Amino acid sequence: MDIARRRNIKPYMVFQNSVLKEMATEMPTTKEEMMRIRGIRDRKYEEYGEVFLNIIRTHLSERNKRQ
């Protein structure tokens, strides 16, 4: 799924690399956890938050199944 391409915007307009790196490190699974990441505010969360949370949750679930 390529959010930026579908919306015809630059990828950094979804989330900047620094935000993506922090998401990858922190692995938030709730809105509250995600909102603690610098660069994510209400508008960004409303537009993209649930999509990214679902990706992270799926990743964690699959990782736990392999362990």
N, C-alpha and C. Protein backbone atom coordinates (compact mmCIF):
# COMPACT_ATOMS: atom_id res chain seq x y z
N MET A 1 0.85 -1.17 0.00
CA MET A 1 0.00 0.00 0.00
C MET A 1 0.90 1.24 0.00
N ASP A 2 0.69 2.07 -0.95
CA ASP A 2 1.50 3.27 -1.03
C ASP A 2 0.59 4.48 -0.86
N ILE A 3 0.52 4.96 0.36
CA ILE A 3 -0.38 6.06 0.71
C ILE A 3 -0.05 7.31 -0.09
N ALA A 4 1.21 7.65 -0.16
CA ALA A 4 1.61 8.88 -0.86
C ALA A 4 1.23 8.83 -2.33
N ARG A 5 1.48 7.73 -2.97
CA ARG A 5 1.17 7.61 -4.39
C ARG A 5 -0.34 7.71 -4.63
N ARG A 6 -1.12 7.04 -3.80
CA ARG A 6 -2.57 7.10 -3.97
C ARG A 6 -3.12 8.50 -3.76
N ARG A 7 -2.50 9.25 -2.87
CA ARG A 7 -2.97 10.62 -2.60
C ARG A 7 -2.27 11.65 -3.47
N ASN A 8 -1.34 11.18 -4.28
CA ASN A 8 -0.60 12.06 -5.18
C ASN A 8 0.15 13.16 -4.41
N ILE A 9 0.85 12.71 -3.36
CA ILE A 9 1.67 13.62 -2.57
C ILE A 9 3.06 13.01 -2.40
N LYS A 10 3.99 13.81 -1.94
CA LYS A 10 5.34 13.31 -1.68
C LYS A 10 5.31 12.45 -0.42
N PRO A 11 6.13 11.39 -0.37
CA PRO A 11 6.13 10.50 0.81
C PRO A 11 6.39 11.22 2.13
N TYR A 12 7.27 12.21 2.14
CA TYR A 12 7.56 12.91 3.39
C TYR A 12 6.36 13.69 3.91
N MET A 13 5.36 13.88 3.07
CA MET A 13 4.16 14.58 3.52
C MET A 13 3.26 13.67 4.36
N VAL A 14 3.46 12.38 4.25
CA VAL A 14 2.75 11.43 5.12
C VAL A 14 3.42 11.49 6.48
N PHE A 15 4.65 11.03 6.56
CA PHE A 15 5.48 11.15 7.77
C PHE A 15 6.92 11.33 7.33
N GLN A 16 7.64 12.18 8.03
CA GLN A 16 9.06 12.38 7.75
C GLN A 16 9.84 11.15 8.20
N ASN A 17 11.04 10.97 7.65
CA ASN A 17 11.86 9.82 8.01
C ASN A 17 12.11 9.71 9.50
N SER A 18 12.32 10.84 10.17
CA SER A 18 12.58 10.79 11.62
C SER A 18 11.37 10.22 12.37
N VAL A 19 10.18 10.52 11.92
CA VAL A 19 8.96 9.98 12.54
C VAL A 19 8.87 8.49 12.27
N LEU A 20 9.14 8.07 11.05
CA LEU A 20 9.10 6.65 10.71
C LEU A 20 10.13 5.86 11.51
N LYS A 21 11.32 6.42 11.68
CA LYS A 21 12.35 5.74 12.47
C LYS A 21 11.92 5.58 13.92
N GLU A 22 11.31 6.63 14.48
CA GLU A 22 10.85 6.53 15.86
C GLU A 22 9.71 5.51 15.98
N MET A 23 8.83 5.48 14.99
CA MET A 23 7.76 4.47 15.00
C MET A 23 8.36 3.07 14.97
N ALA A 24 9.38 2.87 14.15
CA ALA A 24 10.02 1.56 14.04
C ALA A 24 10.72 1.17 15.33
N THR A 25 11.22 2.14 16.06
CA THR A 25 11.90 1.87 17.32
C THR A 25 10.89 1.63 18.45
N GLU A 26 9.92 2.50 18.54
CA GLU A 26 8.96 2.46 19.65
C GLU A 26 7.85 1.43 19.44
N MET A 27 7.50 1.14 18.20
CA MET A 27 6.44 0.20 17.86
C MET A 27 5.14 0.49 18.62
N PRO A 28 4.57 1.67 18.45
CA PRO A 28 3.32 1.98 19.16
C PRO A 28 2.19 1.08 18.68
N THR A 29 1.32 0.69 19.61
CA THR A 29 0.17 -0.14 19.25
C THR A 29 -1.15 0.50 19.63
N THR A 30 -1.09 1.69 20.22
CA THR A 30 -2.29 2.42 20.57
C THR A 30 -2.16 3.86 20.10
N LYS A 31 -3.30 4.53 20.03
CA LYS A 31 -3.29 5.94 19.66
C LYS A 31 -2.45 6.74 20.64
N GLU A 32 -2.62 6.46 21.91
CA GLU A 32 -1.88 7.21 22.94
C GLU A 32 -0.37 7.07 22.76
N GLU A 33 0.08 5.84 22.50
CA GLU A 33 1.51 5.62 22.28
C GLU A 33 1.99 6.34 21.03
N MET A 34 1.18 6.28 19.98
CA MET A 34 1.59 6.93 18.73
C MET A 34 1.64 8.44 18.89
N MET A 35 0.72 9.00 19.64
CA MET A 35 0.68 10.45 19.81
C MET A 35 1.88 10.98 20.61
N ARG A 36 2.60 10.10 21.27
CA ARG A 36 3.81 10.51 22.00
C ARG A 36 5.00 10.71 21.06
N ILE A 37 4.88 10.24 19.84
CA ILE A 37 5.97 10.38 18.87
C ILE A 37 5.97 11.80 18.32
N ARG A 38 7.13 12.42 18.40
CA ARG A 38 7.25 13.80 17.91
C ARG A 38 6.97 13.83 16.41
N GLY A 39 6.11 14.72 16.00
CA GLY A 39 5.76 14.85 14.60
C GLY A 39 4.38 14.29 14.28
N ILE A 40 3.78 13.62 15.25
CA ILE A 40 2.42 13.10 15.04
C ILE A 40 1.48 13.89 15.93
N ARG A 41 0.57 14.56 15.30
CA ARG A 41 -0.46 15.33 16.00
C ARG A 41 -1.82 14.84 15.52
N ASP A 42 -2.87 15.46 16.02
CA ASP A 42 -4.22 15.00 15.73
C ASP A 42 -4.49 14.81 14.24
N ARG A 43 -4.16 15.80 13.44
CA ARG A 43 -4.47 15.72 12.02
C ARG A 43 -3.74 14.56 11.35
N LYS A 44 -2.45 14.41 11.63
CA LYS A 44 -1.68 13.31 11.04
C LYS A 44 -2.23 11.97 11.52
N TYR A 45 -2.55 11.92 12.80
CA TYR A 45 -3.09 10.66 13.32
C TYR A 45 -4.42 10.33 12.63
N GLU A 46 -5.28 11.30 12.53
CA GLU A 46 -6.59 11.06 11.91
C GLU A 46 -6.45 10.60 10.46
N GLU A 47 -5.48 11.13 9.75
CA GLU A 47 -5.29 10.76 8.34
C GLU A 47 -4.60 9.41 8.17
N TYR A 48 -3.58 9.15 8.98
CA TYR A 48 -2.72 7.99 8.72
C TYR A 48 -2.49 7.07 9.91
N GLY A 49 -2.86 7.48 11.09
CA GLY A 49 -2.50 6.75 12.30
C GLY A 49 -2.96 5.31 12.34
N GLU A 50 -4.24 5.08 12.08
CA GLU A 50 -4.76 3.72 12.16
C GLU A 50 -4.12 2.80 11.13
N VAL A 51 -3.81 3.33 9.96
CA VAL A 51 -3.15 2.51 8.93
C VAL A 51 -1.80 2.03 9.45
N PHE A 52 -1.03 2.94 10.02
CA PHE A 52 0.29 2.57 10.53
C PHE A 52 0.19 1.69 11.77
N LEU A 53 -0.77 1.96 12.65
CA LEU A 53 -0.95 1.10 13.81
C LEU A 53 -1.29 -0.32 13.38
N ASN A 54 -2.13 -0.47 12.39
CA ASN A 54 -2.47 -1.82 11.91
C ASN A 54 -1.27 -2.53 11.33
N ILE A 55 -0.43 -1.81 10.62
CA ILE A 55 0.80 -2.41 10.08
C ILE A 55 1.71 -2.86 11.20
N ILE A 56 1.88 -2.02 12.21
CA ILE A 56 2.75 -2.37 13.35
C ILE A 56 2.17 -3.55 14.12
N ARG A 57 0.87 -3.54 14.38
CA ARG A 57 0.23 -4.64 15.10
C ARG A 57 0.39 -5.96 14.34
N THR A 58 0.19 -5.92 13.03
CA THR A 58 0.35 -7.12 12.22
C THR A 58 1.78 -7.63 12.29
N HIS A 59 2.73 -6.72 12.17
CA HIS A 59 4.14 -7.09 12.25
C HIS A 59 4.46 -7.75 13.58
N LEU A 60 4.00 -7.14 14.67
CA LEU A 60 4.28 -7.70 16.00
C LEU A 60 3.62 -9.07 16.19
N SER A 61 2.42 -9.21 15.70
CA SER A 61 1.71 -10.49 15.81
C SER A 61 2.45 -11.57 15.03
N GLU A 62 2.88 -11.28 13.82
CA GLU A 62 3.62 -12.25 13.02
C GLU A 62 4.95 -12.59 13.64
N ARG A 63 5.61 -11.58 14.21
CA ARG A 63 6.89 -11.81 14.87
C ARG A 63 6.72 -12.72 16.07
N ASN A 64 5.64 -12.49 16.83
CA ASN A 64 5.40 -13.33 18.01
C ASN A 64 5.07 -14.78 17.63
N LYS A 65 4.42 -14.98 16.50
CA LYS A 65 4.10 -16.33 16.04
C LYS A 65 5.36 -17.10 15.68
N ARG A 66 6.38 -16.40 15.17
CA ARG A 66 7.63 -17.05 14.77
C ARG A 66 8.51 -17.40 15.96
N GLN A 67 8.27 -16.77 17.08
CA GLN A 67 9.15 -17.00 18.24
C GLN A 67 8.73 -18.23 19.02
